[in-house]
């Protein structure tokens, strides 16, 4: 679906908007980015969000246990 737009103003505004959206979709969701493990940026963000949520949940659980232990003493 890669079409090159002709230079010289022959492309309509709608065609430019569609071409831009197609490129942004590829850039965000399909290109493979080497520094993050040859995966798309969107996939990396999803993995990072899941990792962060797990860390926050674990930290919250540890904090609750510490608070319970302190209140029993």
PDB file of N, CA and C in Angstrom:
ATOM      1  N   UNK A   1       0.826  -1.187   0.000  1.00  0.00           N
ATOM      2  CA  UNK A   1       0.000   0.000   0.000  1.00  0.00           C
ATOM      3  C   UNK A   1       0.872   1.254   0.000  1.00  0.00           C
ATOM      4  N   UNK A   2       2.089   1.096  -0.412  1.00  0.00           N
ATOM      5  CA  UNK A   2       2.980   2.263  -0.447  1.00  0.00           C
ATOM      6  C   UNK A   2       2.847   2.941  -1.795  1.00  0.00           C
ATOM      7  N   UNK A   3       2.315   4.135  -1.785  1.00  0.00           N
ATOM      8  CA  UNK A   3       2.224   4.941  -2.987  1.00  0.00           C
ATOM      9  C   UNK A   3       3.014   6.211  -2.769  1.00  0.00           C
ATOM     10  N   UNK A   4       3.713   6.600  -3.738  1.00  0.00           N
ATOM     11  CA  UNK A   4       4.427   7.871  -3.665  1.00  0.00           C
ATOM     12  C   UNK A   4       3.501   8.964  -4.187  1.00  0.00           C
ATOM     13  N   UNK A   5       3.465  10.053  -3.467  1.00  0.00           N
ATOM     14  CA  UNK A   5       2.685  11.188  -3.940  1.00  0.00           C
ATOM     15  C   UNK A   5       3.508  11.960  -4.956  1.00  0.00           C
ATOM     16  N   UNK A   6       2.839  12.373  -6.002  1.00  0.00           N
ATOM     17  CA  UNK A   6       3.530  13.138  -7.035  1.00  0.00           C
ATOM     18  C   UNK A   6       3.820  14.539  -6.525  1.00  0.00           C
ATOM     19  N   UNK A   7       4.955  15.046  -6.905  1.00  0.00           N
ATOM     20  CA  UNK A   7       5.285  16.431  -6.549  1.00  0.00           C
ATOM     21  C   UNK A   7       4.539  17.353  -7.505  1.00  0.00           C
ATOM     22  N   UNK A   8       4.245  18.516  -7.014  1.00  0.00           N
ATOM     23  CA  UNK A   8       3.618  19.487  -7.889  1.00  0.00           C
ATOM     24  C   UNK A   8       2.190  19.802  -7.514  1.00  0.00           C
ATOM     25  N   UNK A   9       1.721  19.318  -6.372  1.00  0.00           N
ATOM     26  CA  UNK A   9       0.408  19.702  -5.902  1.00  0.00           C
ATOM     27  C   UNK A   9      -0.740  18.930  -6.507  1.00  0.00           C
ATOM     28  N   UNK A  10      -0.500  17.808  -7.162  1.00  0.00           N
ATOM     29  CA  UNK A  10      -1.596  17.074  -7.777  1.00  0.00           C
ATOM     30  C   UNK A  10      -2.356  16.204  -6.767  1.00  0.00           C
ATOM     31  N   UNK A  11      -1.791  15.980  -5.590  1.00  0.00           N
ATOM     32  CA  UNK A  11      -2.463  15.159  -4.587  1.00  0.00           C
ATOM     33  C   UNK A  11      -3.474  16.011  -3.825  1.00  0.00           C
ATOM     34  N   UNK A  12      -4.631  15.413  -3.580  1.00  0.00           N
ATOM     35  CA  UNK A  12      -5.642  16.135  -2.820  1.00  0.00           C
ATOM     36  C   UNK A  12      -5.283  16.119  -1.338  1.00  0.00           C
ATOM     37  N   UNK A  13      -5.919  16.973  -0.594  1.00  0.00           N
ATOM     38  CA  UNK A  13      -5.696  17.027   0.846  1.00  0.00           C
ATOM     39  C   UNK A  13      -6.047  15.689   1.485  1.00  0.00           C
ATOM     40  N   UNK A  14      -7.114  15.067   1.023  1.00  0.00           N
ATOM     41  CA  UNK A  14      -7.519  13.765   1.566  1.00  0.00           C
ATOM     42  C   UNK A  14      -6.440  12.716   1.315  1.00  0.00           C
ATOM     43  N   UNK A  15      -5.828  12.737   0.136  1.00  0.00           N
ATOM     44  CA  UNK A  15      -4.771  11.777  -0.179  1.00  0.00           C
ATOM     45  C   UNK A  15      -3.557  11.989   0.706  1.00  0.00           C
ATOM     46  N   UNK A  16      -3.224  13.232   0.972  1.00  0.00           N
ATOM     47  CA  UNK A  16      -2.095  13.543   1.850  1.00  0.00           C
ATOM     48  C   UNK A  16      -2.397  13.077   3.267  1.00  0.00           C
ATOM     49  N   UNK A  17      -3.628  13.315   3.739  1.00  0.00           N
ATOM     50  CA  UNK A  17      -4.009  12.887   5.086  1.00  0.00           C
ATOM     51  C   UNK A  17      -3.930  11.367   5.213  1.00  0.00           C
ATOM     52  N   UNK A  18      -4.428  10.654   4.222  1.00  0.00           N
ATOM     53  CA  UNK A  18      -4.383   9.188   4.254  1.00  0.00           C
ATOM     54  C   UNK A  18      -2.939   8.704   4.230  1.00  0.00           C
ATOM     55  N   UNK A  19      -2.124   9.272   3.377  1.00  0.00           N
ATOM     56  CA  UNK A  19      -0.719   8.866   3.295  1.00  0.00           C
ATOM     57  C   UNK A  19      -0.014   9.127   4.623  1.00  0.00           C
ATOM     58  N   UNK A  20      -0.330  10.241   5.259  1.00  0.00           N
ATOM     59  CA  UNK A  20       0.277  10.564   6.555  1.00  0.00           C
ATOM     60  C   UNK A  20      -0.153   9.566   7.617  1.00  0.00           C
ATOM     61  N   UNK A  21      -1.433   9.249   7.656  1.00  0.00           N
ATOM     62  CA  UNK A  21      -1.931   8.285   8.642  1.00  0.00           C
ATOM     63  C   UNK A  21      -1.339   6.898   8.434  1.00  0.00           C
ATOM     64  N   UNK A  22      -1.183   6.498   7.181  1.00  0.00           N
ATOM     65  CA  UNK A  22      -0.566   5.197   6.890  1.00  0.00           C
ATOM     66  C   UNK A  22       0.875   5.182   7.389  1.00  0.00           C
ATOM     67  N   UNK A  23       1.610   6.262   7.145  1.00  0.00           N
ATOM     68  CA  UNK A  23       2.997   6.325   7.589  1.00  0.00           C
ATOM     69  C   UNK A  23       3.088   6.318   9.109  1.00  0.00           C
ATOM     70  N   UNK A  24       2.244   7.090   9.792  1.00  0.00           N
ATOM     71  CA  UNK A  24       2.269   7.146  11.253  1.00  0.00           C
ATOM     72  C   UNK A  24       1.925   5.776  11.831  1.00  0.00           C
ATOM     73  N   UNK A  25       0.951   5.087  11.239  1.00  0.00           N
ATOM     74  CA  UNK A  25       0.603   3.742  11.700  1.00  0.00           C
ATOM     75  C   UNK A  25       1.802   2.807  11.566  1.00  0.00           C
ATOM     76  N   UNK A  26       2.473   2.848  10.422  1.00  0.00           N
ATOM     77  CA  UNK A  26       3.663   2.008  10.237  1.00  0.00           C
ATOM     78  C   UNK A  26       4.740   2.387  11.258  1.00  0.00           C
ATOM     79  N   UNK A  27       4.987   3.674  11.424  1.00  0.00           N
ATOM     80  CA  UNK A  27       6.052   4.148  12.304  1.00  0.00           C
ATOM     81  C   UNK A  27       5.816   3.724  13.749  1.00  0.00           C
ATOM     82  N   UNK A  28       4.569   3.803  14.206  1.00  0.00           N
ATOM     83  CA  UNK A  28       4.244   3.485  15.598  1.00  0.00           C
ATOM     84  C   UNK A  28       4.024   1.997  15.852  1.00  0.00           C
ATOM     85  N   UNK A  29       3.493   1.283  14.874  1.00  0.00           N
ATOM     86  CA  UNK A  29       3.010  -0.072  15.143  1.00  0.00           C
ATOM     87  C   UNK A  29       3.721  -1.205  14.421  1.00  0.00           C
ATOM     88  N   UNK A  30       4.431  -0.918  13.325  1.00  0.00           N
ATOM     89  CA  UNK A  30       4.997  -2.028  12.563  1.00  0.00           C
ATOM     90  C   UNK A  30       6.501  -1.991  12.346  1.00  0.00           C
ATOM     91  N   UNK A  31       7.107  -0.821  12.399  1.00  0.00           N
ATOM     92  CA  UNK A  31       8.556  -0.792  12.144  1.00  0.00           C
ATOM     93  C   UNK A  31       9.283  -1.491  13.287  1.00  0.00           C
ATOM     94  N   UNK A  32      10.355  -2.146  12.965  1.00  0.00           N
ATOM     95  CA  UNK A  32      11.144  -2.847  13.968  1.00  0.00           C
ATOM     96  C   UNK A  32      12.278  -1.935  14.406  1.00  0.00           C
ATOM     97  N   UNK A  33      12.364  -1.709  15.702  1.00  0.00           N
ATOM     98  CA  UNK A  33      13.343  -0.774  16.242  1.00  0.00           C
ATOM     99  C   UNK A  33      14.440  -1.559  16.946  1.00  0.00           C
ATOM    100  N   UNK A  34      15.646  -1.490  16.409  1.00  0.00           N
ATOM    101  CA  UNK A  34      16.777  -2.264  16.910  1.00  0.00           C
ATOM    102  C   UNK A  34      17.124  -2.051  18.375  1.00  0.00           C
ATOM    103  N   UNK A  35      17.236  -0.812  18.849  1.00  0.00           N
ATOM    104  CA  UNK A  35      17.670  -0.600  20.231  1.00  0.00           C
ATOM    105  C   UNK A  35      16.728  -1.188  21.291  1.00  0.00           C
ATOM    106  N   UNK A  36      15.504  -1.510  20.912  1.00  0.00           N
ATOM    107  CA  UNK A  36      14.579  -2.086  21.893  1.00  0.00           C
ATOM    108  C   UNK A  36      14.298  -3.557  21.608  1.00  0.00           C
ATOM    109  N   UNK A  37      15.155  -4.191  20.814  1.00  0.00           N
ATOM    110  CA  UNK A  37      15.036  -5.629  20.594  1.00  0.00           C
ATOM    111  C   UNK A  37      14.352  -6.035  19.308  1.00  0.00           C
ATOM    112  N   UNK A  38      14.413  -5.205  18.293  1.00  0.00           N
ATOM    113  CA  UNK A  38      13.794  -5.485  16.996  1.00  0.00           C
ATOM    114  C   UNK A  38      12.308  -5.805  17.120  1.00  0.00           C
ATOM    115  N   UNK A  39      11.621  -5.010  17.920  1.00  0.00           N
ATOM    116  CA  UNK A  39      10.167  -5.119  18.032  1.00  0.00           C
ATOM    117  C   UNK A  39       9.566  -3.747  17.753  1.00  0.00           C
ATOM    118  N   UNK A  40       8.296  -3.702  17.380  1.00  0.00           N
ATOM    119  CA  UNK A  40       7.657  -2.403  17.130  1.00  0.00           C
ATOM    120  C   UNK A  40       7.530  -1.593  18.417  1.00  0.00           C
ATOM    121  N   UNK A  41       7.598  -0.274  18.314  1.00  0.00           N
ATOM    122  CA  UNK A  41       7.475   0.566  19.508  1.00  0.00           C
ATOM    123  C   UNK A  41       6.188   0.317  20.298  1.00  0.00           C
ATOM    124  N   UNK A  42       5.077   0.081  19.614  1.00  0.00           N
ATOM    125  CA  UNK A  42       3.809  -0.151  20.318  1.00  0.00           C
ATOM    126  C   UNK A  42       3.886  -1.420  21.169  1.00  0.00           C
ATOM    127  N   UNK A  43       4.542  -2.455  20.653  1.00  0.00           N
ATOM    128  CA  UNK A  43       4.701  -3.694  21.418  1.00  0.00           C
ATOM    129  C   UNK A  43       5.593  -3.464  22.639  1.00  0.00           C
ATOM    130  N   UNK A  44       6.660  -2.700  22.459  1.00  0.00           N
ATOM    131  CA  UNK A  44       7.541  -2.384  23.582  1.00  0.00           C
ATOM    132  C   UNK A  44       6.787  -1.623  24.666  1.00  0.00           C
ATOM    133  N   UNK A  45       5.973  -0.648  24.259  1.00  0.00           N
ATOM    134  CA  UNK A  45       5.189   0.128  25.223  1.00  0.00           C
ATOM    135  C   UNK A  45       4.234  -0.774  25.996  1.00  0.00           C
ATOM    136  N   UNK A  46       3.595  -1.723  25.304  1.00  0.00           N
ATOM    137  CA  UNK A  46       2.669  -2.646  25.980  1.00  0.00           C
ATOM    138  C   UNK A  46       3.424  -3.510  26.991  1.00  0.00           C
ATOM    139  N   UNK A  47       4.585  -4.019  26.600  1.00  0.00           N
ATOM    140  CA  UNK A  47       5.386  -4.834  27.516  1.00  0.00           C
ATOM    141  C   UNK A  47       5.856  -4.008  28.711  1.00  0.00           C
ATOM    142  N   UNK A  48       6.280  -2.774  28.453  1.00  0.00           N
ATOM    143  CA  UNK A  48       6.761  -1.912  29.521  1.00  0.00           C
ATOM    144  C   UNK A  48       5.635  -1.560  30.491  1.00  0.00           C
ATOM    145  N   UNK A  49       4.448  -1.307  29.967  1.00  0.00           N
ATOM    146  CA  UNK A  49       3.297  -1.002  30.831  1.00  0.00           C
ATOM    147  C   UNK A  49       2.959  -2.191  31.718  1.00  0.00           C
ATOM    148  N   UNK A  50       2.997  -3.391  31.142  1.00  0.00           N
ATOM    149  CA  UNK A  50       2.708  -4.596  31.928  1.00  0.00           C
ATOM    150  C   UNK A  50       3.769  -4.789  33.013  1.00  0.00           C
ATOM    151  N   UNK A  51       5.043  -4.553  32.661  1.00  0.00           N
ATOM    152  CA  UNK A  51       6.137  -4.677  33.631  1.00  0.00           C
ATOM    153  C   UNK A  51       5.962  -3.669  34.767  1.00  0.00           C
ATOM    154  N   UNK A  52       5.635  -2.439  34.413  1.00  0.00           N
ATOM    155  CA  UNK A  52       5.460  -1.392  35.410  1.00  0.00           C
ATOM    156  C   UNK A  52       4.289  -1.710  36.328  1.00  0.00           C
ATOM    157  N   UNK A  53       3.187  -2.174  35.757  1.00  0.00           N
ATOM    158  CA  UNK A  53       2.024  -2.532  36.565  1.00  0.00           C
ATOM    159  C   UNK A  53       2.372  -3.650  37.542  1.00  0.00           C
ATOM    160  N   UNK A  54       3.128  -4.632  37.088  1.00  0.00           N
ATOM    161  CA  UNK A  54       3.549  -5.733  37.966  1.00  0.00           C
ATOM    162  C   UNK A  54       4.410  -5.203  39.104  1.00  0.00           C
ATOM    163  N   UNK A  55       5.348  -4.319  38.796  1.00  0.00           N
ATOM    164  CA  UNK A  55       6.229  -3.761  39.831  1.00  0.00           C
ATOM    165  C   UNK A  55       5.438  -2.940  40.846  1.00  0.00           C
ATOM    166  N   UNK A  56       4.498  -2.145  40.368  1.00  0.00           N
ATOM    167  CA  UNK A  56       3.692  -1.318  41.269  1.00  0.00           C
ATOM    168  C   UNK A  56       2.822  -2.205  42.154  1.00  0.00           C
ATOM    169  N   UNK A  57       2.247  -3.245  41.585  1.00  0.00           N
ATOM    170  CA  UNK A  57       1.410  -4.168  42.356  1.00  0.00           C
ATOM    171  C   UNK A  57       2.236  -4.861  43.431  1.00  0.00           C
ATOM    172  N   UNK A  58       3.429  -5.310  43.059  1.00  0.00           N
ATOM    173  CA  UNK A  58       4.294  -5.975  44.038  1.00  0.00           C
ATOM    174  C   UNK A  58       4.705  -5.016  45.148  1.00  0.00           C
ATOM    175  N   UNK A  59       5.035  -3.784  44.791  1.00  0.00           N
ATOM    176  CA  UNK A  59       5.438  -2.802  45.795  1.00  0.00           C
ATOM    177  C   UNK A  59       4.276  -2.499  46.739  1.00  0.00           C
ATOM    178  N   UNK A  60       3.073  -2.398  46.200  1.00  0.00           N
ATOM    179  CA  UNK A  60       1.900  -2.147  47.028  1.00  0.00           C
ATOM    180  C   UNK A  60       1.619  -3.289  47.975  1.00  0.00           C
ATOM    181  N   UNK A  61       1.796  -4.518  47.499  1.00  0.00           N
ATOM    182  CA  UNK A  61       1.581  -5.692  48.337  1.00  0.00           C
ATOM    183  C   UNK A  61       2.598  -5.725  49.474  1.00  0.00           C
ATOM    184  N   UNK A  62       3.864  -5.456  49.149  1.00  0.00           N
ATOM    185  CA  UNK A  62       4.901  -5.426  50.183  1.00  0.00           C
ATOM    186  C   UNK A  62       4.604  -4.342  51.219  1.00  0.00           C
ATOM    187  N   UNK A  63       4.154  -3.187  50.774  1.00  0.00           N
ATOM    188  CA  UNK A  63       3.849  -2.089  51.681  1.00  0.00           C
ATOM    189  C   UNK A  63       2.709  -2.483  52.627  1.00  0.00           C
ATOM    190  N   UNK A  64       1.670  -3.134  52.088  1.00  0.00           N
ATOM    191  CA  UNK A  64       0.544  -3.564  52.936  1.00  0.00           C
ATOM    192  C   UNK A  64       1.000  -4.551  53.992  1.00  0.00           C
ATOM    193  N   UNK A  65       1.853  -5.482  53.612  1.00  0.00           N
ATOM    194  CA  UNK A  65       2.368  -6.450  54.593  1.00  0.00           C
ATOM    195  C   UNK A  65       3.182  -5.755  55.677  1.00  0.00           C
ATOM    196  N   UNK A  66       3.995  -4.776  55.284  1.00  0.00           N
ATOM    197  CA  UNK A  66       4.788  -4.030  56.277  1.00  0.00           C
ATOM    198  C   UNK A  66       3.880  -3.249  57.214  1.00  0.00           C
ATOM    199  N   UNK A  67       2.832  -2.650  56.690  1.00  0.00           N
ATOM    200  CA  UNK A  67       1.900  -1.882  57.523  1.00  0.00           C
ATOM    201  C   UNK A  67       1.175  -2.813  58.503  1.00  0.00           C
ATOM    202  N   UNK A  68       0.783  -3.990  58.040  1.00  0.00           N
ATOM    203  CA  UNK A  68       0.125  -4.951  58.928  1.00  0.00           C
ATOM    204  C   UNK A  68       1.070  -5.389  60.039  1.00  0.00           C
ATOM    205  N   UNK A  69       2.325  -5.652  59.653  1.00  0.00           N
ATOM    206  CA  UNK A  69       3.308  -6.105  60.653  1.00  0.00           C
ATOM    207  C   UNK A  69       3.564  -5.027  61.675  1.00  0.00           C
ATOM    208  N   UNK A  70       3.614  -3.770  61.271  1.00  0.00           N
ATOM    209  CA  UNK A  70       3.847  -2.674  62.194  1.00  0.00           C
ATOM    210  C   UNK A  70       2.640  -2.463  63.117  1.00  0.00           C
ATOM    211  N   UNK A  71       1.451  -2.650  62.594  1.00  0.00           N
ATOM    212  CA  UNK A  71       0.261  -2.421  63.437  1.00  0.00           C
ATOM    213  C   UNK A  71       0.052  -3.530  64.466  1.00  0.00           C
ATOM    214  N   UNK A  72       0.627  -4.698  64.229  1.00  0.00           N
ATOM    215  CA  UNK A  72       0.496  -5.809  65.175  1.00  0.00           C
ATOM    216  C   UNK A  72       1.491  -5.683  66.324  1.00  0.00           C
ATOM    217  N   UNK A  73       2.508  -4.876  66.147  1.00  0.00           N
ATOM    218  CA  UNK A  73       3.522  -4.745  67.213  1.00  0.00           C
ATOM    219  C   UNK A  73       3.242  -3.590  68.127  1.00  0.00           C
TER     220      UNK A  73
END
